[in-house]
N, C-alpha and C. Protein backbone atom coordinates (compact mmCIF):
# COMPACT_ATOMS: atom_id res chain seq x y z
N MET A 1 84.60 158.87 48.46
CA MET A 1 83.76 159.39 49.77
C MET A 1 83.01 160.32 49.69
N ASP A 2 81.80 159.85 49.49
CA ASP A 2 80.64 161.22 49.39
C ASP A 2 80.13 161.33 50.54
N LYS A 3 80.54 160.82 51.76
CA LYS A 3 79.75 161.09 53.06
C LYS A 3 80.75 160.89 54.08
N ALA A 4 81.00 161.80 55.19
CA ALA A 4 81.72 161.65 56.27
C ALA A 4 81.19 162.55 57.44
N ILE A 5 81.62 162.02 58.53
CA ILE A 5 81.46 162.92 59.75
C ILE A 5 82.73 163.48 60.11
N ILE A 6 82.52 164.65 60.57
CA ILE A 6 83.63 165.53 61.11
C ILE A 6 83.30 166.15 62.25
N GLN A 7 84.54 166.35 63.30
CA GLN A 7 84.12 166.63 64.82
C GLN A 7 85.18 167.74 64.87
N GLY A 8 84.96 168.93 65.37
CA GLY A 8 85.71 170.08 65.61
C GLY A 8 85.49 170.71 66.85
N ASN A 9 86.53 171.13 67.29
CA ASN A 9 86.74 171.87 68.71
C ASN A 9 87.32 173.26 68.67
N ILE A 10 86.67 174.05 69.22
CA ILE A 10 87.34 175.42 69.23
C ILE A 10 87.48 175.86 70.64
N ASN A 11 88.80 176.22 71.05
CA ASN A 11 89.12 176.44 72.22
C ASN A 11 88.96 178.13 72.33
N THR A 12 87.97 178.50 72.98
CA THR A 12 87.82 180.06 72.99
C THR A 12 88.02 180.69 74.12
N ASN A 13 88.96 180.16 74.94
CA ASN A 13 89.61 180.85 76.12
C ASN A 13 90.36 181.99 76.00
N GLU A 14 90.79 182.00 74.50
CA GLU A 14 91.57 183.22 74.10
C GLU A 14 91.88 183.17 72.59
N SER A 15 91.82 184.01 71.85
CA SER A 15 92.24 184.20 70.34
C SER A 15 93.44 184.61 70.17
N ARG A 16 94.09 184.39 69.22
CA ARG A 16 95.29 185.13 68.74
C ARG A 16 95.04 186.55 68.76
N ALA A 17 95.70 187.38 68.52
CA ALA A 17 95.86 188.87 68.37
C ALA A 17 94.89 189.28 67.22
N ILE A 18 93.82 189.84 67.35
CA ILE A 18 93.15 190.29 66.13
C ILE A 18 93.54 191.84 66.09
N PHE A 19 93.82 192.25 64.63
CA PHE A 19 94.03 193.42 64.27
C PHE A 19 93.14 194.15 63.44
N ASN A 20 92.70 195.32 64.04
CA ASN A 20 91.56 196.02 63.15
C ASN A 20 92.20 197.77 63.09
N GLU A 21 91.97 198.11 61.71
CA GLU A 21 92.74 199.37 61.56
C GLU A 21 91.66 200.46 62.57
N ASP A 22 90.69 200.14 62.91
CA ASP A 22 90.12 201.16 63.52
C ASP A 22 90.14 201.45 64.94
N ILE A 23 90.68 200.16 65.59
CA ILE A 23 90.83 199.87 67.02
C ILE A 23 92.09 199.47 67.21
N LYS A 24 92.72 199.40 68.69
CA LYS A 24 93.83 198.88 69.20
C LYS A 24 93.63 197.27 68.96
N PRO A 25 94.97 196.69 68.75
CA PRO A 25 94.76 195.01 68.70
C PRO A 25 94.26 194.53 69.97
N PHE A 26 93.61 193.26 69.76
CA PHE A 26 92.96 192.89 70.94
C PHE A 26 92.99 191.38 71.00
N ARG A 27 92.68 190.66 72.05
CA ARG A 27 92.44 189.30 72.00
C ARG A 27 91.20 188.95 72.57
N GLU A 28 90.49 188.04 71.88
CA GLU A 28 89.01 187.71 72.41
C GLU A 28 88.94 186.69 73.40
N ARG A 29 87.72 186.67 73.98
CA ARG A 29 87.47 185.46 74.85
C ARG A 29 86.01 185.26 75.09
N ILE A 30 85.55 184.35 74.83
CA ILE A 30 84.18 183.86 74.79
C ILE A 30 83.76 183.59 76.59
N LYS A 31 82.65 184.35 76.97
CA LYS A 31 82.74 183.68 78.52
C LYS A 31 82.03 182.69 78.69
N GLU A 32 82.54 181.70 79.61
CA GLU A 32 81.91 180.32 79.96
C GLU A 32 80.37 180.45 79.99
N GLY A 33 79.87 179.52 79.17
CA GLY A 33 78.18 179.42 79.36
C GLY A 33 77.64 180.36 78.41
N ALA A 34 78.33 181.34 77.47
CA ALA A 34 77.62 181.92 76.19
C ALA A 34 77.24 181.19 75.17
N PHE A 35 77.86 180.27 74.93
CA PHE A 35 77.73 179.55 73.83
C PHE A 35 76.37 178.60 74.20
N LYS A 36 76.31 177.93 75.42
CA LYS A 36 75.31 176.99 75.92
C LYS A 36 74.03 178.07 76.14
N GLU A 37 74.11 179.08 76.56
CA GLU A 37 72.93 180.07 76.35
C GLU A 37 72.40 180.16 75.07
N SER A 38 73.16 180.74 74.25
CA SER A 38 72.80 181.01 72.74
C SER A 38 72.04 179.73 72.39
N LEU A 39 72.81 178.73 72.27
CA LEU A 39 72.05 177.49 71.73
C LEU A 39 70.78 176.89 72.32
N GLN A 40 70.41 177.20 73.62
CA GLN A 40 69.38 177.21 74.44
C GLN A 40 68.11 178.36 73.92
N ASN A 41 68.75 179.45 73.69
CA ASN A 41 67.80 180.43 73.54
C ASN A 41 67.42 180.54 71.97
N TYR A 42 68.37 180.27 71.18
CA TYR A 42 68.14 180.54 69.74
C TYR A 42 68.28 179.45 68.71
N GLY A 43 68.51 178.35 69.54
CA GLY A 43 68.82 177.06 68.75
C GLY A 43 70.21 176.84 67.89
N LYS A 44 70.18 175.81 67.30
CA LYS A 44 71.36 175.05 66.60
C LYS A 44 71.58 176.10 65.41
N VAL A 45 72.76 176.00 65.02
CA VAL A 45 73.12 176.76 63.82
C VAL A 45 73.90 175.76 62.80
N PRO A 46 73.75 176.27 61.51
CA PRO A 46 74.53 175.34 60.43
C PRO A 46 76.05 175.26 60.57
N LEU A 47 76.65 174.49 59.74
CA LEU A 47 77.95 174.43 59.43
C LEU A 47 77.94 175.08 58.24
N TYR A 48 79.12 175.82 57.85
CA TYR A 48 79.63 176.43 56.79
C TYR A 48 81.16 176.20 56.33
N PHE A 49 81.50 176.33 55.12
CA PHE A 49 82.69 176.56 54.47
C PHE A 49 83.41 177.73 54.68
N ASN A 50 84.30 177.89 55.18
CA ASN A 50 85.14 179.45 55.34
C ASN A 50 83.92 180.59 55.59
N HIS A 51 82.91 180.28 56.29
CA HIS A 51 81.92 181.31 56.36
C HIS A 51 81.18 181.98 55.18
N GLU A 52 81.23 180.96 54.08
CA GLU A 52 80.73 181.35 52.94
C GLU A 52 79.67 180.63 52.28
N ARG A 53 79.75 179.27 52.47
CA ARG A 53 78.68 178.42 52.09
C ARG A 53 78.40 177.43 53.17
N GLN A 54 76.98 176.99 53.29
CA GLN A 54 76.60 176.01 54.06
C GLN A 54 76.90 174.59 53.59
N ILE A 55 77.32 173.90 54.46
CA ILE A 55 77.76 172.32 54.23
C ILE A 55 77.02 171.33 55.03
N ALA A 56 76.41 171.87 55.83
CA ALA A 56 75.50 171.15 56.77
C ALA A 56 74.34 171.83 57.49
N SER A 57 73.15 171.32 57.30
CA SER A 57 72.00 171.84 57.96
C SER A 57 72.05 171.80 59.56
N ILE A 58 71.22 172.55 60.25
CA ILE A 58 71.00 172.07 61.42
C ILE A 58 70.44 171.05 62.26
N GLU A 59 69.85 169.94 61.12
CA GLU A 59 69.74 168.66 61.04
C GLU A 59 70.85 167.69 61.23
N ASP A 60 72.08 168.06 60.70
CA ASP A 60 73.08 167.51 60.30
C ASP A 60 74.24 167.76 61.39
N ILE A 61 73.75 168.45 62.31
CA ILE A 61 75.06 168.78 63.27
C ILE A 61 74.43 169.02 64.69
N SER A 62 75.32 168.50 65.54
CA SER A 62 75.23 168.54 66.93
C SER A 62 76.48 169.59 67.65
N LEU A 63 75.82 170.35 68.60
CA LEU A 63 76.81 171.64 69.09
C LEU A 63 76.84 171.40 70.49
N CYS A 64 77.82 171.63 71.37
CA CYS A 64 77.82 171.83 72.61
C CYS A 64 78.80 172.63 73.19
N GLU A 65 78.74 173.23 74.23
CA GLU A 65 79.77 173.94 75.10
C GLU A 65 80.42 172.82 75.99
N ASN A 66 81.97 173.09 76.06
CA ASN A 66 82.48 172.09 77.10
C ASN A 66 83.35 173.04 77.85
N ASP A 67 84.40 172.70 78.67
CA ASP A 67 85.50 173.37 79.30
C ASP A 67 86.33 174.15 78.45
N LEU A 68 86.71 173.81 77.06
CA LEU A 68 87.31 174.79 76.35
C LEU A 68 86.73 175.82 75.47
N GLY A 69 85.46 175.31 75.20
CA GLY A 69 84.93 176.32 74.52
C GLY A 69 83.64 175.62 73.44
N LEU A 70 83.67 175.53 72.11
CA LEU A 70 82.59 175.05 71.39
C LEU A 70 83.08 173.80 70.84
N THR A 71 82.37 172.74 70.83
CA THR A 71 82.49 171.35 69.83
C THR A 71 81.30 171.09 69.41
N PHE A 72 81.60 170.65 68.01
CA PHE A 72 80.49 169.93 67.11
C PHE A 72 80.87 168.78 66.60
N ILE A 73 79.88 167.99 65.97
CA ILE A 73 79.89 166.67 64.96
C ILE A 73 78.86 167.03 63.94
N ALA A 74 79.25 166.84 62.78
CA ALA A 74 78.35 166.67 61.75
C ALA A 74 78.41 165.96 60.57
N ASN A 75 77.49 165.68 59.92
CA ASN A 75 77.48 164.81 58.78
C ASN A 75 77.52 165.68 57.57
N ILE A 76 78.65 165.60 56.97
CA ILE A 76 78.71 166.27 55.53
C ILE A 76 78.83 165.40 54.33
N SER A 77 78.52 165.96 53.21
CA SER A 77 78.72 165.27 51.91
C SER A 77 79.09 166.21 50.86
N ASP A 78 79.93 167.29 51.24
CA ASP A 78 80.66 168.07 50.49
C ASP A 78 81.80 167.60 50.09
N ILE A 79 82.17 167.09 48.73
CA ILE A 79 83.17 166.68 48.51
C ILE A 79 84.36 167.57 48.40
N GLU A 80 84.47 168.65 48.09
CA GLU A 80 85.58 169.53 48.21
C GLU A 80 86.02 169.62 49.58
N VAL A 81 85.17 169.63 50.73
CA VAL A 81 85.69 169.75 52.15
C VAL A 81 86.06 168.56 52.77
N ILE A 82 85.46 167.29 52.41
CA ILE A 82 85.83 165.97 52.30
C ILE A 82 87.37 165.83 51.86
N SER A 83 87.77 166.14 50.65
CA SER A 83 88.85 166.31 50.16
C SER A 83 89.88 166.99 51.10
N LYS A 84 89.59 167.91 51.08
CA LYS A 84 90.54 169.22 52.12
C LYS A 84 90.72 168.60 53.39
N CYS A 85 89.95 168.03 54.05
CA CYS A 85 90.14 166.97 55.47
C CYS A 85 90.96 166.05 55.08
N ILE A 86 90.85 165.18 54.05
CA ILE A 86 91.69 163.99 53.76
C ILE A 86 93.10 164.59 53.45
N TYR A 87 93.18 165.53 52.64
CA TYR A 87 94.71 165.79 52.34
C TYR A 87 95.35 167.09 53.20
N GLY A 88 94.79 167.34 54.42
CA GLY A 88 95.24 168.21 55.27
C GLY A 88 95.28 169.90 55.19
N SER A 89 94.48 170.14 54.03
CA SER A 89 94.09 171.67 53.59
C SER A 89 93.30 172.18 54.77
N ILE A 90 92.68 171.44 55.84
CA ILE A 90 91.65 172.42 56.60
C ILE A 90 92.52 172.60 57.77
N LYS A 91 92.42 174.07 58.08
CA LYS A 91 93.39 174.25 59.19
C LYS A 91 92.75 174.46 60.46
N GLY A 92 91.46 174.28 60.61
CA GLY A 92 90.54 174.35 61.77
C GLY A 92 89.09 174.72 61.66
N CYS A 93 88.51 175.24 62.70
CA CYS A 93 87.32 175.78 62.73
C CYS A 93 87.12 177.18 63.20
N SER A 94 85.79 177.59 63.06
CA SER A 94 85.67 179.18 63.55
C SER A 94 83.90 179.32 63.75
N PHE A 95 83.56 180.46 64.16
CA PHE A 95 82.32 180.72 64.51
C PHE A 95 81.88 182.09 64.05
N ASN A 96 80.73 182.40 63.83
CA ASN A 96 80.39 183.71 63.48
C ASN A 96 79.21 183.90 64.51
N PHE A 97 79.25 185.16 65.19
CA PHE A 97 78.34 185.74 66.17
C PHE A 97 78.09 187.07 66.13
N VAL A 98 76.79 187.35 66.77
CA VAL A 98 76.56 188.86 66.99
C VAL A 98 76.64 188.88 68.46
N PRO A 99 77.66 190.08 68.99
CA PRO A 99 77.56 190.06 70.50
C PRO A 99 76.61 191.12 71.10
N PHE A 100 76.14 190.81 71.96
CA PHE A 100 74.91 191.35 72.80
C PHE A 100 75.72 192.32 73.75
N GLU A 101 76.63 191.80 74.69
CA GLU A 101 77.09 192.33 75.85
C GLU A 101 78.82 191.67 75.56
N GLU A 102 79.52 192.89 75.72
CA GLU A 102 80.98 192.54 75.73
C GLU A 102 81.80 193.58 76.82
N ARG A 103 82.66 193.14 77.06
CA ARG A 103 83.48 194.11 78.19
C ARG A 103 85.13 194.15 77.71
N ILE A 104 85.51 195.42 77.52
CA ILE A 104 87.05 195.44 77.05
C ILE A 104 87.72 195.99 78.37
N ILE A 105 88.77 195.11 78.39
CA ILE A 105 89.83 195.34 79.41
C ILE A 105 91.07 196.04 78.84
N HIS A 106 91.07 197.32 79.25
CA HIS A 106 92.34 198.01 78.35
C HIS A 106 93.53 197.65 79.03
N LYS A 107 94.68 197.31 78.25
CA LYS A 107 95.91 197.11 78.74
C LYS A 107 96.76 197.65 77.72
N GLU A 108 98.04 197.78 78.19
CA GLU A 108 99.12 198.62 77.52
C GLU A 108 99.39 198.25 75.78
N LEU A 109 99.54 196.93 75.61
CA LEU A 109 99.89 196.67 74.31
C LEU A 109 98.76 196.10 73.57
N ILE A 110 98.06 195.42 74.19
CA ILE A 110 96.78 194.61 73.51
C ILE A 110 95.67 194.60 74.54
N ASN A 111 94.32 194.93 73.94
CA ASN A 111 93.34 194.86 75.09
C ASN A 111 92.73 193.55 74.86
N SER A 112 91.99 193.19 75.80
CA SER A 112 91.09 192.09 75.96
C SER A 112 89.65 192.35 75.88
N ARG A 113 88.70 191.70 75.03
CA ARG A 113 87.46 191.73 74.54
C ARG A 113 86.70 190.41 75.08
N ILE A 114 85.92 190.69 75.98
CA ILE A 114 85.25 189.50 76.54
C ILE A 114 83.94 189.49 76.09
N ILE A 115 83.42 188.43 75.24
CA ILE A 115 82.09 188.42 74.82
C ILE A 115 81.22 187.75 76.08
N GLU A 116 80.30 188.43 76.76
CA GLU A 116 79.54 187.94 77.76
C GLU A 116 78.07 187.11 77.19
N ASP A 117 77.51 187.99 76.38
CA ASP A 117 76.39 187.24 75.64
C ASP A 117 76.33 187.47 74.28
N MET A 118 75.82 186.68 73.50
CA MET A 118 75.78 186.67 72.03
C MET A 118 74.74 185.90 71.31
N ILE A 119 74.56 185.88 70.08
CA ILE A 119 74.01 185.12 69.33
C ILE A 119 74.91 184.26 68.35
N LEU A 120 74.78 183.04 68.46
CA LEU A 120 75.78 182.23 67.40
C LEU A 120 75.09 182.27 66.08
N ARG A 121 75.68 182.55 65.24
CA ARG A 121 75.23 182.28 63.75
C ARG A 121 75.26 181.34 62.87
N GLU A 122 76.67 180.87 62.92
CA GLU A 122 76.96 179.63 62.22
C GLU A 122 78.58 179.30 62.79
N VAL A 123 78.84 178.00 62.59
CA VAL A 123 79.99 177.42 62.90
C VAL A 123 80.64 177.03 61.30
N SER A 124 82.19 177.23 61.10
CA SER A 124 82.69 177.04 60.00
C SER A 124 83.92 175.93 59.94
N VAL A 125 84.26 175.30 58.96
CA VAL A 125 85.35 174.51 58.78
C VAL A 125 86.16 175.54 57.89
N LEU A 126 87.41 175.85 58.28
CA LEU A 126 88.07 176.53 57.13
C LEU A 126 89.70 176.24 56.77
N ASP A 127 89.93 176.56 55.67
CA ASP A 127 91.06 176.31 55.00
C ASP A 127 92.13 177.25 54.93
N LYS A 128 91.88 178.67 55.98
CA LYS A 128 92.48 179.33 56.03
C LYS A 128 92.62 179.59 57.84
N GLU A 129 93.93 180.17 58.26
CA GLU A 129 93.89 180.30 59.57
C GLU A 129 92.81 180.86 60.69
N PRO A 130 92.52 180.03 61.49
CA PRO A 130 91.32 180.56 62.34
C PRO A 130 91.92 181.43 63.78
N ALA A 131 90.82 182.42 64.04
CA ALA A 131 91.19 183.33 64.99
C ALA A 131 91.78 182.58 66.47
N TYR A 132 90.95 181.41 66.74
CA TYR A 132 90.87 180.97 67.92
C TYR A 132 91.63 179.44 67.44
N PRO A 133 92.59 178.86 68.73
CA PRO A 133 92.96 177.62 68.55
C PRO A 133 91.97 176.73 68.30
N SER A 134 91.92 175.56 67.28
CA SER A 134 90.91 174.85 66.79
C SER A 134 91.31 173.38 66.64
N SER A 135 90.71 172.39 66.44
CA SER A 135 91.00 171.20 65.73
C SER A 135 89.81 170.64 64.94
N ILE A 136 90.15 169.92 63.87
CA ILE A 136 89.14 169.37 63.21
C ILE A 136 89.44 167.74 62.89
N ASN A 137 88.71 166.96 63.03
CA ASN A 137 89.13 165.43 62.68
C ASN A 137 87.89 165.17 61.70
N ILE A 138 88.11 163.88 60.76
CA ILE A 138 87.34 163.55 59.92
C ILE A 138 87.03 162.10 60.33
N ILE A 139 85.85 161.42 60.59
CA ILE A 139 85.83 160.30 60.65
C ILE A 139 84.74 159.52 59.72
N TYR A 140 85.07 158.37 59.21
CA TYR A 140 84.37 157.76 58.23
C TYR A 140 83.91 156.43 58.83
N VAL A 141 82.54 156.31 58.71
CA VAL A 141 81.84 155.19 59.36
C VAL A 141 80.78 154.90 58.48
N PRO A 142 80.07 153.57 58.53
CA PRO A 142 79.14 153.06 57.79
C PRO A 142 78.03 153.66 58.09
N ASP A 143 76.95 153.79 57.24
CA ASP A 143 75.49 154.53 57.37
C ASP A 143 75.16 153.91 58.81
N THR A 144 75.12 152.71 59.04
CA THR A 144 74.52 151.99 60.32
C THR A 144 75.16 152.73 61.47
N LEU A 145 76.32 152.87 61.61
CA LEU A 145 76.92 153.33 62.62
C LEU A 145 77.09 154.86 62.84
N ARG A 146 76.68 155.64 61.77
CA ARG A 146 76.62 157.17 61.81
C ARG A 146 75.76 157.49 62.89
N ILE A 147 74.46 156.80 63.03
CA ILE A 147 73.67 157.45 63.97
C ILE A 147 73.99 157.11 65.14
N GLN A 148 74.70 156.23 65.57
CA GLN A 148 75.36 155.88 66.95
C GLN A 148 76.52 156.79 67.27
N ALA A 149 77.14 157.43 66.37
CA ALA A 149 78.11 158.45 66.70
C ALA A 149 77.49 159.51 67.02
N PHE A 150 76.37 160.05 66.63
CA PHE A 150 75.69 161.28 67.00
C PHE A 150 74.84 160.99 68.40
N LYS A 151 74.30 159.52 68.58
CA LYS A 151 73.84 159.34 69.90
C LYS A 151 74.71 159.39 70.98
N TYR A 152 76.00 159.07 70.88
CA TYR A 152 76.80 159.17 72.01
C TYR A 152 77.70 160.40 71.96
N PHE A 153 77.37 161.31 71.16
CA PHE A 153 78.30 162.54 71.33
C PHE A 153 77.61 163.55 72.52
N THR A 154 78.25 163.56 73.51
CA THR A 154 77.78 164.51 74.47
C THR A 154 78.73 165.34 75.25
N CYS A 155 78.34 166.37 75.84
CA CYS A 155 79.37 167.30 76.53
C CYS A 155 79.04 166.96 78.03
């Protein structure tokens, strides 16, 4: 298999607890509409593997925000990532962003961080545990149907 289509979903309603030595532990949430606004204002972003190397360009990925968070579908030809998808080594997906506006809600044990506005930098397929609940599916289709998969991808 030298080509594949993968689809990922990232539930951004609440992250697992994030620990940082400089601040109190927190759970993060992305405000509804923040992904959509970032994509409209700044354009699409590439797909990476583990936030380290690009595996799909902006021409090979479709992204959109839905009720749960961010979803994407991408054409990839990276043999390592395809193999990891096949053999179950992929744990999920994630994203990298620059926050413009955020709100902290102070709580006794764990704070909440709400991202109100941001620039989305990239989306990643991970073979390590993601901060947000997510899923990744790999779909193999003939080249003639690959275009249709993108055509019918909507939020």
